[in-house]
Amino acid sequence: MANLTPTPDRPGLHVNKPSPNAPATGSAVCHCGATATATGDSQVRALVEGYTANHGAAHGRTGR
């Protein structure tokens, strides 16, 4: 399987939760240069919400 972790050359959002009892992990890289990582279900949820609202496709919607 390919490495799905985002990089500056391949920006995006990646979330992993290997089992229901394991904490989620996440990483995000935006084409604007912003990066973030999170560990734990609630922190990863906040990372996804922040990335979705302010980075990635949001740049196209708001013209930033």
Protein backbone atom coordinates (compact mmCIF):
# COMPACT_ATOMS: atom_id res chain seq x y z
CA MET A 1 0.00 0.00 0.00
CA ALA A 2 1.24 3.49 -0.80
CA ASN A 3 2.21 5.93 1.94
CA LEU A 4 -0.82 8.19 2.31
CA THR A 5 0.79 10.71 4.66
CA PRO A 6 0.42 14.21 3.18
CA THR A 7 3.54 16.13 2.19
CA PRO A 8 4.17 19.61 0.77
CA ASP A 9 4.35 17.97 -2.68
CA ARG A 10 1.12 16.02 -2.02
CA PRO A 11 -1.02 18.12 0.34
CA GLY A 12 -4.05 16.62 1.99
CA LEU A 13 -5.51 15.11 5.12
CA HIS A 14 -4.83 11.61 6.46
CA VAL A 15 -6.59 9.97 9.41
CA ASN A 16 -5.81 6.53 10.83
CA LYS A 17 -7.64 4.51 13.49
CA PRO A 18 -6.37 0.92 13.35
CA SER A 19 -8.97 -0.47 15.77
CA PRO A 20 -11.95 0.76 17.79
CA ASN A 21 -9.85 0.74 20.96
CA ALA A 22 -6.82 2.54 19.51
CA PRO A 23 -6.59 6.33 19.47
CA ALA A 24 -6.95 8.01 16.11
CA THR A 25 -4.00 9.82 14.56
CA GLY A 26 -4.12 12.45 11.87
CA SER A 27 -1.91 14.69 9.80
CA ALA A 28 -2.65 17.52 7.42
CA VAL A 29 -0.61 19.56 4.97
CA CYS A 30 -2.12 22.39 2.94
CA HIS A 31 -0.78 23.82 -0.31
CA CYS A 32 -0.51 27.17 1.52
CA GLY A 33 2.20 25.66 3.75
CA ALA A 34 0.16 25.01 6.91
CA THR A 35 0.81 21.67 8.63
CA ALA A 36 -0.70 19.94 11.66
CA THR A 37 -0.76 16.59 13.43
CA ALA A 38 -3.05 15.21 16.12
CA THR A 39 -3.35 12.14 18.34
CA GLY A 40 -6.54 11.11 20.08
CA ASP A 41 -10.08 10.94 18.79
CA SER A 42 -11.20 14.42 19.87
CA GLN A 43 -7.97 16.09 18.72
CA VAL A 44 -8.17 14.38 15.32
CA ARG A 45 -11.81 15.43 15.00
CA ALA A 46 -10.74 19.05 15.64
CA LEU A 47 -7.90 18.71 13.10
CA VAL A 48 -10.34 17.48 10.43
CA GLU A 49 -12.84 20.24 11.19
CA GLY A 50 -10.14 22.92 11.12
CA TYR A 51 -8.58 21.64 7.90
CA THR A 52 -11.97 21.34 6.21
CA ALA A 53 -13.03 24.84 7.27
CA ASN A 54 -9.76 26.69 6.64
CA HIS A 55 -7.53 24.72 4.24
CA GLY A 56 -7.68 22.30 1.33
CA ALA A 57 -10.84 22.84 -0.64
CA ALA A 58 -11.81 25.82 1.57
CA HIS A 59 -9.15 27.91 -0.19
CA GLY A 60 -11.04 27.46 -3.46
CA ARG A 61 -14.36 28.40 -1.90
CA THR A 62 -13.13 31.57 -0.23
CA GLY A 63 -10.56 32.68 -2.79
CA ARG A 64 -7.66 32.59 -0.28
